[in-house]
Amino acid sequence: MKSGHHQAVAMVMEAESELFRIALESDEAQIAFMKFLEKKTKG
């Protein structure tokens, strides 16, 4: 039972990791990163 639960959690984590990677590559994320870095260099 624990093994099955562990495998299910691992599969969900893998899927979430892929979705997070896709989100990081979005135009919105790139703009947010640029704005963040601009603030860091000004301050």
N, C-alpha and C. Protein backbone atom coordinates (compact mmCIF):
# COMPACT_ATOMS: atom_id res chain seq x y z
N MET A 1 0.82 -1.19 0.00
CA MET A 1 0.00 0.00 0.00
C MET A 1 0.87 1.26 0.00
N LYS A 2 1.90 1.29 0.83
CA LYS A 2 2.77 2.46 0.85
C LYS A 2 3.48 2.65 -0.48
N SER A 3 3.87 1.55 -1.10
CA SER A 3 4.56 1.63 -2.38
C SER A 3 3.67 2.27 -3.44
N GLY A 4 2.41 1.89 -3.47
CA GLY A 4 1.47 2.46 -4.43
C GLY A 4 1.25 3.94 -4.18
N HIS A 5 1.17 4.30 -2.92
CA HIS A 5 0.99 5.71 -2.55
C HIS A 5 2.22 6.52 -2.97
N HIS A 6 3.39 5.97 -2.71
CA HIS A 6 4.64 6.64 -3.08
C HIS A 6 4.71 6.85 -4.59
N GLN A 7 4.32 5.85 -5.34
CA GLN A 7 4.35 5.94 -6.80
C GLN A 7 3.37 7.01 -7.29
N ALA A 8 2.18 7.06 -6.69
CA ALA A 8 1.18 8.05 -7.08
C ALA A 8 1.69 9.46 -6.80
N VAL A 9 2.30 9.65 -5.64
CA VAL A 9 2.84 10.96 -5.28
C VAL A 9 3.95 11.35 -6.26
N ALA A 10 4.81 10.41 -6.58
CA ALA A 10 5.90 10.68 -7.52
C ALA A 10 5.36 11.08 -8.89
N MET A 11 4.29 10.43 -9.33
CA MET A 11 3.70 10.76 -10.63
C MET A 11 3.11 12.17 -10.62
N VAL A 12 2.43 12.53 -9.53
CA VAL A 12 1.84 13.87 -9.43
C VAL A 12 2.95 14.92 -9.40
N MET A 13 4.00 14.65 -8.65
CA MET A 13 5.12 15.60 -8.58
C MET A 13 5.76 15.79 -9.95
N GLU A 14 5.89 14.73 -10.70
CA GLU A 14 6.47 14.82 -12.03
C GLU A 14 5.59 15.66 -12.95
N ALA A 15 4.28 15.44 -12.88
CA ALA A 15 3.34 16.21 -13.71
C ALA A 15 3.37 17.68 -13.32
N GLU A 16 3.38 17.97 -12.02
CA GLU A 16 3.42 19.36 -11.57
C GLU A 16 4.73 20.03 -11.96
N SER A 17 5.80 19.30 -11.94
CA SER A 17 7.09 19.84 -12.34
C SER A 17 7.07 20.25 -13.80
N GLU A 18 6.46 19.43 -14.63
CA GLU A 18 6.36 19.74 -16.06
C GLU A 18 5.50 20.98 -16.27
N LEU A 19 4.38 21.07 -15.57
CA LEU A 19 3.51 22.25 -15.70
C LEU A 19 4.23 23.52 -15.23
N PHE A 20 5.00 23.41 -14.17
CA PHE A 20 5.76 24.55 -13.66
C PHE A 20 6.80 24.98 -14.68
N ARG A 21 7.47 24.03 -15.30
CA ARG A 21 8.47 24.34 -16.33
C ARG A 21 7.82 25.09 -17.49
N ILE A 22 6.66 24.63 -17.91
CA ILE A 22 5.94 25.29 -19.00
C ILE A 22 5.56 26.71 -18.60
N ALA A 23 5.08 26.87 -17.36
CA ALA A 23 4.69 28.20 -16.88
C ALA A 23 5.88 29.15 -16.84
N LEU A 24 7.04 28.65 -16.46
CA LEU A 24 8.23 29.49 -16.39
C LEU A 24 8.65 30.00 -17.77
N GLU A 25 8.29 29.28 -18.80
CA GLU A 25 8.67 29.67 -20.15
C GLU A 25 7.65 30.59 -20.81
N SER A 26 6.56 30.90 -20.11
CA SER A 26 5.51 31.74 -20.70
C SER A 26 5.98 33.19 -20.83
N ASP A 27 5.32 33.91 -21.71
CA ASP A 27 5.64 35.33 -21.90
C ASP A 27 5.43 36.11 -20.60
N GLU A 28 4.35 35.78 -19.88
CA GLU A 28 4.05 36.47 -18.63
C GLU A 28 5.18 36.28 -17.62
N ALA A 29 5.70 35.08 -17.52
CA ALA A 29 6.79 34.81 -16.59
C ALA A 29 8.05 35.56 -17.00
N GLN A 30 8.34 35.59 -18.28
CA GLN A 30 9.53 36.28 -18.75
C GLN A 30 9.45 37.77 -18.43
N ILE A 31 8.28 38.36 -18.62
CA ILE A 31 8.10 39.78 -18.30
C ILE A 31 8.28 40.02 -16.80
N ALA A 32 7.70 39.15 -16.00
CA ALA A 32 7.82 39.29 -14.54
C ALA A 32 9.27 39.18 -14.11
N PHE A 33 10.02 38.25 -14.68
CA PHE A 33 11.43 38.10 -14.34
C PHE A 33 12.22 39.35 -14.71
N MET A 34 11.93 39.89 -15.90
CA MET A 34 12.64 41.09 -16.33
C MET A 34 12.37 42.26 -15.39
N LYS A 35 11.10 42.43 -15.00
CA LYS A 35 10.75 43.52 -14.08
C LYS A 35 11.44 43.32 -12.74
N PHE A 36 11.48 42.10 -12.26
CA PHE A 36 12.13 41.80 -10.99
C PHE A 36 13.61 42.15 -11.06
N LEU A 37 14.26 41.75 -12.14
CA LEU A 37 15.69 42.01 -12.28
C LEU A 37 15.97 43.50 -12.43
N GLU A 38 15.08 44.23 -13.11
CA GLU A 38 15.24 45.67 -13.24
C GLU A 38 15.20 46.34 -11.87
N LYS A 39 14.29 45.91 -11.01
CA LYS A 39 14.19 46.47 -9.66
C LYS A 39 15.44 46.16 -8.85
N LYS A 40 15.97 44.96 -9.02
CA LYS A 40 17.17 44.56 -8.28
C LYS A 40 18.38 45.40 -8.68
N THR A 41 18.50 45.74 -9.96
CA THR A 41 19.66 46.50 -10.42
C THR A 41 19.54 47.98 -10.07
N LYS A 42 18.31 48.48 -9.92
CA LYS A 42 18.11 49.88 -9.55
C LYS A 42 18.36 50.12 -8.07
N GLY A 43 18.01 49.13 -7.25
CA GLY A 43 18.00 49.32 -5.80
C GLY A 43 19.26 49.08 -5.14
